[in-house]
C-alpha atoms as a PDB file:
ATOM      1  CA  MET A   1     106.021 139.341 102.657  1.00  0.00           C
ATOM      2  CA  PRO A   2     104.627 136.624 100.357  1.00  0.00           C
ATOM      3  CA  GLY A   3     107.131 134.178  98.995  1.00  0.00           C
ATOM      4  CA  PHE A   4     107.460 130.616  97.826  1.00  0.00           C
ATOM      5  CA  VAL A   5     107.565 127.329  99.736  1.00  0.00           C
ATOM      6  CA  GLN A   6     108.702 123.976  98.441  1.00  0.00           C
ATOM      7  CA  ILE A   7     107.701 120.840 100.331  1.00  0.00           C
ATOM      8  CA  ILE A   8     109.764 117.770  99.483  1.00  0.00           C
ATOM      9  CA  GLU A   9     108.014 114.537 100.423  1.00  0.00           C
ATOM     10  CA  PHE A  10     109.851 111.232 100.548  1.00  0.00           C
ATOM     11  CA  ARG A  11     109.851 107.774 102.094  1.00  0.00           C
ATOM     12  CA  THR A  12     112.997 106.092 103.336  1.00  0.00           C
ATOM     13  CA  SER A  13     114.199 103.449 105.751  1.00  0.00           C
ATOM     14  CA  ARG A  14     117.646 105.086 105.591  1.00  0.00           C
ATOM     15  CA  ILE A  15     117.023 108.495 107.188  1.00  0.00           C
ATOM     16  CA  GLU A  16     120.301 108.377 109.128  1.00  0.00           C
ATOM     17  CA  GLU A  17     122.222 108.058 105.851  1.00  0.00           C
ATOM     18  CA  ILE A  18     120.305 110.970 104.362  1.00  0.00           C
ATOM     19  CA  GLU A  19     121.108 113.071 107.426  1.00  0.00           C
ATOM     20  CA  GLU A  20     124.801 112.125 107.054  1.00  0.00           C
ATOM     21  CA  LEU A  21     124.818 113.714 103.588  1.00  0.00           C
ATOM     22  CA  GLY A  22     124.790 117.019 105.411  1.00  0.00           C
ATOM     23  CA  ARG A  23     122.565 120.023 105.184  1.00  0.00           C
ATOM     24  CA  PRO A  24     122.396 121.794 101.830  1.00  0.00           C
ATOM     25  CA  SER A  25     123.608 125.091 103.309  1.00  0.00           C
ATOM     26  CA  ARG A  26     126.729 123.383 104.653  1.00  0.00           C
ATOM     27  CA  THR A  27     127.840 121.621 101.476  1.00  0.00           C
ATOM     28  CA  GLY A  28     129.940 124.550 100.329  1.00  0.00           C
ATOM     29  CA  GLY A  29     129.908 125.565  96.734  1.00  0.00           C
ATOM     30  CA  SER A  30     130.641 128.532  94.581  1.00  0.00           C
ATOM     31  CA  THR A  31     127.419 130.452  95.279  1.00  0.00           C
ATOM     32  CA  PRO A  32     125.404 130.802  98.476  1.00  0.00           C
ATOM     33  CA  ALA A  33     122.111 128.986  98.890  1.00  0.00           C
ATOM     34  CA  THR A  34     119.078 131.196  98.264  1.00  0.00           C
ATOM     35  CA  PHE A  35     116.569 129.707 100.711  1.00  0.00           C
ATOM     36  CA  ARG A  36     115.311 131.528 103.814  1.00  0.00           C
ATOM     37  CA  SER A  37     114.943 128.403 105.931  1.00  0.00           C
ATOM     38  CA  ILE A  38     114.677 124.626 105.842  1.00  0.00           C
ATOM     39  CA  VAL A  39     112.701 122.493 108.290  1.00  0.00           C
ATOM     40  CA  ALA A  40     113.152 118.704 108.209  1.00  0.00           C
ATOM     41  CA  THR A  41     110.180 116.749 109.574  1.00  0.00           C
ATOM     42  CA  ALA A  42     109.106 113.154 110.233  1.00  0.00           C
ATOM     43  CA  ASP A  43     105.458 112.134 109.828  1.00  0.00           C
ATOM     44  CA  ARG A  44     104.260 110.735 113.192  1.00  0.00           C
ATOM     45  CA  ASP A  45     101.287 109.010 111.581  1.00  0.00           C
ATOM     46  CA  HIS A  46     103.258 107.362 108.774  1.00  0.00           C
ATOM     47  CA  PRO A  47     106.650 106.066 109.988  1.00  0.00           C
ATOM     48  CA  GLY A  48     109.304 106.259 107.277  1.00  0.00           C
ATOM     49  CA  THR A  49     107.646 109.279 105.623  1.00  0.00           C
ATOM     50  CA  TYR A  50     109.438 112.626 105.766  1.00  0.00           C
ATOM     51  CA  PHE A  51     108.818 116.172 104.572  1.00  0.00           C
ATOM     52  CA  THR A  52     111.399 118.890 104.075  1.00  0.00           C
ATOM     53  CA  ILE A  53     109.870 122.365 104.046  1.00  0.00           C
ATOM     54  CA  VAL A  54     111.994 124.993 102.302  1.00  0.00           C
ATOM     55  CA  GLU A  55     111.089 128.683 102.346  1.00  0.00           C
ATOM     56  CA  PHE A  56     112.295 131.059  99.606  1.00  0.00           C
ATOM     57  CA  ASP A  57     111.766 134.730  98.763  1.00  0.00           C
ATOM     58  CA  SER A  58     110.350 133.763  95.360  1.00  0.00           C
ATOM     59  CA  PHE A  59     109.928 130.970  92.830  1.00  0.00           C
ATOM     60  CA  ASP A  60     112.914 132.418  90.957  1.00  0.00           C
ATOM     61  CA  SER A  61     115.184 132.120  94.007  1.00  0.00           C
ATOM     62  CA  ALA A  62     114.018 128.513  94.440  1.00  0.00           C
ATOM     63  CA  MET A  63     114.926 127.722  90.835  1.00  0.00           C
ATOM     64  CA  GLU A  64     118.277 129.486  91.255  1.00  0.00           C
ATOM     65  CA  ASN A  65     118.980 127.316  94.315  1.00  0.00           C
ATOM     66  CA  SER A  66     117.922 124.165  92.438  1.00  0.00           C
ATOM     67  CA  GLY A  67     120.385 125.037  89.685  1.00  0.00           C
ATOM     68  CA  ARG A  68     123.375 125.031  92.036  1.00  0.00           C
ATOM     69  CA  PRO A  69     125.618 122.006  91.353  1.00  0.00           C
ATOM     70  CA  GLU A  70     125.780 121.316  95.098  1.00  0.00           C
ATOM     71  CA  THR A  71     121.989 121.175  95.359  1.00  0.00           C
ATOM     72  CA  SER A  72     121.713 118.837  92.364  1.00  0.00           C
ATOM     73  CA  GLU A  73     124.392 116.539  93.773  1.00  0.00           C
ATOM     74  CA  PHE A  74     122.695 116.433  97.188  1.00  0.00           C
ATOM     75  CA  ALA A  75     119.293 115.680  95.612  1.00  0.00           C
ATOM     76  CA  SER A  76     120.744 112.883  93.476  1.00  0.00           C
ATOM     77  CA  LYS A  77     122.431 111.212  96.453  1.00  0.00           C
ATOM     78  CA  MET A  78     119.308 111.619  98.580  1.00  0.00           C
ATOM     79  CA  ALA A  79     117.023 110.103  95.917  1.00  0.00           C
ATOM     80  CA  LYS A  80     119.163 106.945  95.842  1.00  0.00           C
ATOM     81  CA  LEU A  81     118.472 106.464  99.561  1.00  0.00           C
ATOM     82  CA  CYS A  82     114.694 106.817  99.206  1.00  0.00           C
ATOM     83  CA  ASP A  83     112.123 104.014  99.034  1.00  0.00           C
ATOM     84  CA  GLY A  84     110.262 105.468  96.063  1.00  0.00           C
ATOM     85  CA  PRO A  85     110.002 108.712  94.161  1.00  0.00           C
ATOM     86  CA  VAL A  86     110.661 112.081  95.760  1.00  0.00           C
ATOM     87  CA  ILE A  87     107.590 114.312  95.416  1.00  0.00           C
ATOM     88  CA  PHE A  88     107.945 118.088  95.126  1.00  0.00           C
ATOM     89  CA  HIS A  89     105.083 120.407  96.113  1.00  0.00           C
ATOM     90  CA  ASN A  90     105.676 123.948  94.781  1.00  0.00           C
ATOM     91  CA  LEU A  91     103.571 126.478  96.671  1.00  0.00           C
ATOM     92  CA  ASP A  92     103.105 130.223  96.265  1.00  0.00           C
ATOM     93  CA  VAL A  93     102.578 131.867  99.665  1.00  0.00           C
ATOM     94  CA  LEU A  94      99.293 133.803  99.781  1.00  0.00           C
ATOM     95  CA  TRP A  95      99.649 135.057 103.342  1.00  0.00           C
ATOM     96  CA  GLU A  96     101.475 134.315 106.555  1.00  0.00           C
ATOM     97  CA  ASP A  97     100.496 134.695 110.200  1.00  0.00           C
ATOM     98  CA  THR A  98     103.412 134.642 112.614  1.00  0.00           C
ATOM     99  CA  GLY A  99     101.120 134.522 115.665  1.00  0.00           C
ATOM    100  CA  ASN A 100     102.291 137.847 117.051  1.00  0.00           C
ATOM    101  CA  GLY A 101      99.460 139.989 115.691  1.00  0.00           C
ATOM    102  CA  ALA A 102     101.509 141.307 112.749  1.00  0.00           C
ATOM    103  CA  ASP A 103     100.212 139.451 109.692  1.00  0.00           C
ATOM    104  CA  HIS A 104     102.273 139.507 106.514  1.00  0.00           C
ATOM    105  CA  GLY A 105     101.060 139.360 102.955  1.00  0.00           C
END
């Protein structure tokens, strides 16, 4: 099933402090998060560079999640710990191959 992926790219020398902020799905709040999954990654070739890959059902569910006060608060705190601007890559999924012979999309 096609969906939407947001890749959040950032540089920081304070990754431990960002990790201490907690995961967005565990920050509580009045409404549940709308993402399918989040994968946090570190770039092996560029130390201090990180990518967070967030999968959503749709662009609309991503925007709904971004509008949550908890998400905004997390993003604001995270940005203060970064060594430069946070870059958002907003990607529509065209197709997906799960490697098990059952392609989606």
